[in-house]
All heavy atoms as atom14 arrays in JSON, in Angstrom:
{
  "sequence": "HNLTDPALHDTPIHVIAARWGFPRAAEFSRA",
  "atom14_mask": [
    [1, 1, 1, 1, 1, 1, 1, 1, 1, 1, 0, 0, 0, 0],
    [1, 1, 1, 1, 1, 1, 1, 1, 0, 0, 0, 0, 0, 0],
    [1, 1, 1, 1, 1, 1, 1, 1, 0, 0, 0, 0, 0, 0],
    [1, 1, 1, 1, 1, 1, 1, 0, 0, 0, 0, 0, 0, 0],
    [1, 1, 1, 1, 1, 1, 1, 1, 0, 0, 0, 0, 0, 0],
    [1, 1, 1, 1, 1, 1, 1, 0, 0, 0, 0, 0, 0, 0],
    [1, 1, 1, 1, 1, 0, 0, 0, 0, 0, 0, 0, 0, 0],
    [1, 1, 1, 1, 1, 1, 1, 1, 0, 0, 0, 0, 0, 0],
    [1, 1, 1, 1, 1, 1, 1, 1, 1, 1, 0, 0, 0, 0],
    [1, 1, 1, 1, 1, 1, 1, 1, 0, 0, 0, 0, 0, 0],
    [1, 1, 1, 1, 1, 1, 1, 0, 0, 0, 0, 0, 0, 0],
    [1, 1, 1, 1, 1, 1, 1, 0, 0, 0, 0, 0, 0, 0],
    [1, 1, 1, 1, 1, 1, 1, 1, 0, 0, 0, 0, 0, 0],
    [1, 1, 1, 1, 1, 1, 1, 1, 1, 1, 0, 0, 0, 0],
    [1, 1, 1, 1, 1, 1, 1, 0, 0, 0, 0, 0, 0, 0],
    [1, 1, 1, 1, 1, 1, 1, 1, 0, 0, 0, 0, 0, 0],
    [1, 1, 1, 1, 1, 0, 0, 0, 0, 0, 0, 0, 0, 0],
    [1, 1, 1, 1, 1, 0, 0, 0, 0, 0, 0, 0, 0, 0],
    [1, 1, 1, 1, 1, 1, 1, 1, 1, 1, 1, 0, 0, 0],
    [1, 1, 1, 1, 1, 1, 1, 1, 1, 1, 1, 1, 1, 1],
    [1, 1, 1, 1, 0, 0, 0, 0, 0, 0, 0, 0, 0, 0],
    [1, 1, 1, 1, 1, 1, 1, 1, 1, 1, 1, 0, 0, 0],
    [1, 1, 1, 1, 1, 1, 1, 0, 0, 0, 0, 0, 0, 0],
    [1, 1, 1, 1, 1, 1, 1, 1, 1, 1, 1, 0, 0, 0],
    [1, 1, 1, 1, 1, 0, 0, 0, 0, 0, 0, 0, 0, 0],
    [1, 1, 1, 1, 1, 0, 0, 0, 0, 0, 0, 0, 0, 0],
    [1, 1, 1, 1, 1, 1, 1, 1, 1, 0, 0, 0, 0, 0],
    [1, 1, 1, 1, 1, 1, 1, 1, 1, 1, 1, 0, 0, 0],
    [1, 1, 1, 1, 1, 1, 0, 0, 0, 0, 0, 0, 0, 0],
    [1, 1, 1, 1, 1, 1, 1, 1, 1, 1, 1, 0, 0, 0],
    [1, 1, 1, 1, 1, 0, 0, 0, 0, 0, 0, 0, 0, 0]
  ],
  "atom14_positions": [
    [[95.99, 102.54, 95.2], [95.62, 103.94, 95.45], [96.81, 104.86, 95.22], [96.66, 105.95, 94.66], [95.08, 104.1, 96.87], [93.64, 103.73, 97.01], [92.62, 104.57, 96.61], [93.04, 102.61, 97.47], [91.46, 103.98, 96.84], [91.68, 102.79, 97.35], [0.0, 0.0, 0.0], [0.0, 0.0, 0.0], [0.0, 0.0, 0.0], [0.0, 0.0, 0.0]],
    [[98.0, 104.44, 95.64], [99.2, 105.26, 95.41], [99.49, 105.44, 93.93], [99.94, 106.51, 93.49], [100.4, 104.64, 96.09], [100.48, 104.94, 97.58], [101.42, 104.54, 98.25], [99.49, 105.63, 98.13], [0.0, 0.0, 0.0], [0.0, 0.0, 0.0], [0.0, 0.0, 0.0], [0.0, 0.0, 0.0], [0.0, 0.0, 0.0], [0.0, 0.0, 0.0]],
    [[99.24, 104.41, 93.15], [99.51, 104.49, 91.71], [98.6, 105.49, 91.02], [98.94, 106.01, 89.95], [99.34, 103.1, 91.07], [100.42, 102.06, 91.4], [100.04, 100.71, 90.83], [101.78, 102.51, 90.86], [0.0, 0.0, 0.0], [0.0, 0.0, 0.0], [0.0, 0.0, 0.0], [0.0, 0.0, 0.0], [0.0, 0.0, 0.0], [0.0, 0.0, 0.0]],
    [[97.46, 105.78, 91.59], [96.53, 106.75, 90.98], [96.6, 108.11, 91.66], [95.81, 108.99, 91.33], [95.08, 106.23, 91.07], [94.7, 106.06, 92.44], [94.94, 104.9, 90.35], [0.0, 0.0, 0.0], [0.0, 0.0, 0.0], [0.0, 0.0, 0.0], [0.0, 0.0, 0.0], [0.0, 0.0, 0.0], [0.0, 0.0, 0.0], [0.0, 0.0, 0.0]],
    [[97.56, 108.29, 92.57], [97.69, 109.55, 93.28], [98.58, 110.49, 92.46], [99.77, 110.21, 92.26], [98.32, 109.29, 94.66], [98.38, 110.55, 95.52], [98.19, 111.67, 94.99], [98.61, 110.41, 96.74], [0.0, 0.0, 0.0], [0.0, 0.0, 0.0], [0.0, 0.0, 0.0], [0.0, 0.0, 0.0], [0.0, 0.0, 0.0], [0.0, 0.0, 0.0]],
    [[98.03, 111.62, 91.99], [98.85, 112.54, 91.18], [100.11, 113.01, 91.9], [101.14, 113.26, 91.27], [97.9, 113.71, 90.93], [96.52, 113.13, 91.06], [96.64, 112.09, 92.12], [0.0, 0.0, 0.0], [0.0, 0.0, 0.0], [0.0, 0.0, 0.0], [0.0, 0.0, 0.0], [0.0, 0.0, 0.0], [0.0, 0.0, 0.0], [0.0, 0.0, 0.0]],
    [[100.05, 113.12, 93.22], [101.22, 113.57, 93.98], [102.36, 112.57, 93.94], [103.51, 112.92, 94.21], [100.82, 113.87, 95.42], [0.0, 0.0, 0.0], [0.0, 0.0, 0.0], [0.0, 0.0, 0.0], [0.0, 0.0, 0.0], [0.0, 0.0, 0.0], [0.0, 0.0, 0.0], [0.0, 0.0, 0.0], [0.0, 0.0, 0.0], [0.0, 0.0, 0.0]],
    [[102.06, 111.31, 93.59], [103.09, 110.26, 93.54], [103.38, 109.82, 92.11], [103.98, 108.76, 91.9], [102.63, 109.05, 94.37], [102.39, 109.31, 95.86], [101.84, 108.06, 96.53], [103.68, 109.75, 96.55], [0.0, 0.0, 0.0], [0.0, 0.0, 0.0], [0.0, 0.0, 0.0], [0.0, 0.0, 0.0], [0.0, 0.0, 0.0], [0.0, 0.0, 0.0]],
    [[102.99, 110.66, 91.16], [103.12, 110.28, 89.75], [104.57, 109.98, 89.37], [104.83, 109.09, 88.54], [102.58, 111.41, 88.86], [102.71, 111.13, 87.4], [101.9, 110.23, 86.73], [103.57, 111.63, 86.46], [102.25, 110.19, 85.46], [103.25, 111.02, 85.26], [0.0, 0.0, 0.0], [0.0, 0.0, 0.0], [0.0, 0.0, 0.0], [0.0, 0.0, 0.0]],
    [[105.52, 110.7, 89.95], [106.94, 110.51, 89.6], [107.65, 109.51, 90.51], [108.86, 109.27, 90.34], [107.67, 111.85, 89.65], [107.15, 112.83, 88.6], [106.76, 112.36, 87.5], [107.11, 114.05, 88.88], [0.0, 0.0, 0.0], [0.0, 0.0, 0.0], [0.0, 0.0, 0.0], [0.0, 0.0, 0.0], [0.0, 0.0, 0.0], [0.0, 0.0, 0.0]],
    [[106.95, 108.94, 91.47], [107.57, 107.95, 92.35], [107.65, 106.62, 91.62], [106.63, 106.12, 91.12], [106.74, 107.77, 93.64], [106.62, 109.03, 94.3], [107.4, 106.77, 94.57], [0.0, 0.0, 0.0], [0.0, 0.0, 0.0], [0.0, 0.0, 0.0], [0.0, 0.0, 0.0], [0.0, 0.0, 0.0], [0.0, 0.0, 0.0], [0.0, 0.0, 0.0]],
    [[108.83, 106.02, 91.53], [108.96, 104.74, 90.82], [108.04, 103.68, 91.41], [107.8, 103.63, 92.62], [110.44, 104.37, 91.02], [111.12, 105.69, 91.25], [110.13, 106.53, 92.01], [0.0, 0.0, 0.0], [0.0, 0.0, 0.0], [0.0, 0.0, 0.0], [0.0, 0.0, 0.0], [0.0, 0.0, 0.0], [0.0, 0.0, 0.0], [0.0, 0.0, 0.0]],
    [[107.53, 102.82, 90.55], [106.59, 101.79, 90.99], [107.24, 100.86, 92.01], [106.59, 100.46, 92.98], [106.07, 101.0, 89.77], [105.16, 101.89, 88.93], [105.33, 99.75, 90.22], [104.68, 101.25, 87.65], [0.0, 0.0, 0.0], [0.0, 0.0, 0.0], [0.0, 0.0, 0.0], [0.0, 0.0, 0.0], [0.0, 0.0, 0.0], [0.0, 0.0, 0.0]],
    [[108.53, 100.54, 91.83], [109.17, 99.63, 92.78], [109.28, 100.26, 94.17], [109.27, 99.55, 95.19], [110.54, 99.17, 92.27], [111.6, 100.22, 92.34], [111.82, 101.13, 91.31], [112.5, 100.54, 93.32], [112.81, 101.94, 91.66], [113.25, 101.61, 92.86], [0.0, 0.0, 0.0], [0.0, 0.0, 0.0], [0.0, 0.0, 0.0], [0.0, 0.0, 0.0]],
    [[109.36, 101.59, 94.24], [109.41, 102.27, 95.54], [108.05, 102.17, 96.22], [107.96, 101.89, 97.43], [109.83, 103.75, 95.36], [109.71, 104.5, 96.68], [111.25, 103.82, 94.83], [0.0, 0.0, 0.0], [0.0, 0.0, 0.0], [0.0, 0.0, 0.0], [0.0, 0.0, 0.0], [0.0, 0.0, 0.0], [0.0, 0.0, 0.0], [0.0, 0.0, 0.0]],
    [[106.99, 102.4, 95.45], [105.64, 102.26, 96.0], [105.42, 100.83, 96.48], [104.89, 100.59, 97.58], [104.58, 102.66, 94.95], [104.63, 104.17, 94.71], [103.18, 102.23, 95.39], [103.71, 104.65, 93.61], [0.0, 0.0, 0.0], [0.0, 0.0, 0.0], [0.0, 0.0, 0.0], [0.0, 0.0, 0.0], [0.0, 0.0, 0.0], [0.0, 0.0, 0.0]],
    [[105.84, 99.88, 95.67], [105.66, 98.47, 96.04], [106.38, 98.15, 97.35], [105.82, 97.48, 98.24], [106.18, 97.58, 94.92], [0.0, 0.0, 0.0], [0.0, 0.0, 0.0], [0.0, 0.0, 0.0], [0.0, 0.0, 0.0], [0.0, 0.0, 0.0], [0.0, 0.0, 0.0], [0.0, 0.0, 0.0], [0.0, 0.0, 0.0], [0.0, 0.0, 0.0]],
    [[107.62, 98.63, 97.48], [108.39, 98.35, 98.7], [107.72, 98.96, 99.93], [107.73, 98.36, 101.01], [109.8, 98.88, 98.54], [0.0, 0.0, 0.0], [0.0, 0.0, 0.0], [0.0, 0.0, 0.0], [0.0, 0.0, 0.0], [0.0, 0.0, 0.0], [0.0, 0.0, 0.0], [0.0, 0.0, 0.0], [0.0, 0.0, 0.0], [0.0, 0.0, 0.0]],
    [[107.14, 100.16, 99.77], [106.45, 100.8, 100.89], [105.3, 99.96, 101.4], [104.93, 100.02, 102.57], [105.93, 102.18, 100.47], [107.0, 103.24, 100.27], [106.36, 104.51, 99.74], [107.35, 105.56, 99.51], [107.08, 106.71, 98.9], [105.84, 106.96, 98.48], [108.02, 107.61, 98.73], [0.0, 0.0, 0.0], [0.0, 0.0, 0.0], [0.0, 0.0, 0.0]],
    [[104.69, 99.19, 100.5], [103.52, 98.4, 100.88], [103.86, 96.93, 101.1], [102.97, 96.07, 101.03], [102.44, 98.55, 99.81], [101.8, 99.91, 99.85], [102.07, 100.98, 99.06], [100.81, 100.33, 100.78], [101.31, 102.06, 99.44], [100.51, 101.69, 100.48], [100.12, 99.72, 101.83], [99.58, 102.43, 101.2], [99.18, 100.44, 102.54], [98.92, 101.78, 102.22]],
    [[105.13, 96.67, 101.38], [105.49, 95.32, 101.79], [105.83, 94.37, 100.66], [105.8, 93.15, 100.85], [0.0, 0.0, 0.0], [0.0, 0.0, 0.0], [0.0, 0.0, 0.0], [0.0, 0.0, 0.0], [0.0, 0.0, 0.0], [0.0, 0.0, 0.0], [0.0, 0.0, 0.0], [0.0, 0.0, 0.0], [0.0, 0.0, 0.0], [0.0, 0.0, 0.0]],
    [[106.16, 94.91, 99.47], [106.56, 94.07, 98.34], [107.98, 94.46, 97.92], [108.18, 95.27, 97.02], [105.61, 94.25, 97.16], [104.21, 93.77, 97.41], [103.22, 94.66, 97.82], [103.88, 92.43, 97.24], [101.93, 94.23, 98.05], [102.57, 91.99, 97.47], [101.61, 92.89, 97.89], [0.0, 0.0, 0.0], [0.0, 0.0, 0.0], [0.0, 0.0, 0.0]],
    [[109.0, 93.92, 98.58], [110.38, 94.34, 98.29], [110.87, 93.88, 96.93], [111.83, 94.44, 96.4], [111.19, 93.68, 99.41], [110.36, 92.52, 99.85], [108.94, 92.93, 99.67], [0.0, 0.0, 0.0], [0.0, 0.0, 0.0], [0.0, 0.0, 0.0], [0.0, 0.0, 0.0], [0.0, 0.0, 0.0], [0.0, 0.0, 0.0], [0.0, 0.0, 0.0]],
    [[110.24, 92.86, 96.34], [110.68, 92.36, 95.02], [109.68, 92.81, 93.96], [108.49, 92.44, 94.01], [110.8, 90.83, 95.05], [111.99, 90.37, 95.9], [112.07, 88.86, 95.98], [110.98, 88.31, 96.78], [111.01, 88.23, 98.11], [112.06, 88.68, 98.78], [109.99, 87.71, 98.76], [0.0, 0.0, 0.0], [0.0, 0.0, 0.0], [0.0, 0.0, 0.0]],
    [[110.16, 93.6, 93.01], [109.3, 94.2, 92.0], [108.54, 93.16, 91.18], [107.36, 93.34, 90.86], [110.11, 95.1, 91.09], [0.0, 0.0, 0.0], [0.0, 0.0, 0.0], [0.0, 0.0, 0.0], [0.0, 0.0, 0.0], [0.0, 0.0, 0.0], [0.0, 0.0, 0.0], [0.0, 0.0, 0.0], [0.0, 0.0, 0.0], [0.0, 0.0, 0.0]],
    [[109.21, 92.07, 90.83], [108.58, 91.05, 90.01], [107.41, 90.4, 90.75], [106.35, 90.13, 90.17], [109.6, 90.0, 89.59], [0.0, 0.0, 0.0], [0.0, 0.0, 0.0], [0.0, 0.0, 0.0], [0.0, 0.0, 0.0], [0.0, 0.0, 0.0], [0.0, 0.0, 0.0], [0.0, 0.0, 0.0], [0.0, 0.0, 0.0], [0.0, 0.0, 0.0]],
    [[107.61, 90.14, 92.03], [106.54, 89.55, 92.84], [105.34, 90.49, 92.92], [104.18, 90.07, 92.8], [107.05, 89.24, 94.25], [105.98, 88.68, 95.17], [106.43, 88.61, 96.62], [107.64, 88.79, 96.88], [105.56, 88.4, 97.49], [0.0, 0.0, 0.0], [0.0, 0.0, 0.0], [0.0, 0.0, 0.0], [0.0, 0.0, 0.0], [0.0, 0.0, 0.0]],
    [[105.63, 91.8, 93.1], [104.55, 92.77, 93.17], [103.79, 92.82, 91.83], [102.55, 92.85, 91.82], [105.11, 94.15, 93.49], [104.1, 95.26, 93.37], [103.03, 95.35, 94.27], [104.19, 96.21, 92.36], [102.09, 96.36, 94.15], [103.27, 97.23, 92.24], [102.2, 97.3, 93.14], [0.0, 0.0, 0.0], [0.0, 0.0, 0.0], [0.0, 0.0, 0.0]],
    [[104.52, 92.83, 90.73], [103.87, 92.9, 89.43], [102.96, 91.71, 89.19], [101.82, 91.86, 88.71], [104.93, 92.98, 88.32], [104.31, 93.13, 87.07], [0.0, 0.0, 0.0], [0.0, 0.0, 0.0], [0.0, 0.0, 0.0], [0.0, 0.0, 0.0], [0.0, 0.0, 0.0], [0.0, 0.0, 0.0], [0.0, 0.0, 0.0], [0.0, 0.0, 0.0]],
    [[103.41, 90.52, 89.56], [102.58, 89.32, 89.38], [101.33, 89.39, 90.26], [100.22, 89.09, 89.81], [103.39, 88.06, 89.72], [104.42, 87.67, 88.67], [104.91, 86.25, 88.92], [105.54, 86.11, 90.23], [106.83, 86.34, 90.46], [107.64, 86.7, 89.45], [107.34, 86.17, 91.66], [0.0, 0.0, 0.0], [0.0, 0.0, 0.0], [0.0, 0.0, 0.0]],
    [[101.51, 89.79, 91.52], [100.37, 89.86, 92.45], [99.38, 90.92, 92.0], [98.16, 90.72, 92.06], [100.88, 90.15, 93.86], [0.0, 0.0, 0.0], [0.0, 0.0, 0.0], [0.0, 0.0, 0.0], [0.0, 0.0, 0.0], [0.0, 0.0, 0.0], [0.0, 0.0, 0.0], [0.0, 0.0, 0.0], [0.0, 0.0, 0.0], [0.0, 0.0, 0.0]]
  ]
}
């Protein structure tokens, strides 16, 4: 949902992932 939120368009994906409990970007991408 955050990835489709226009207000968060400029927020890096790894930051969004960390907010939702995925501190490792690669793990988040695979999941």
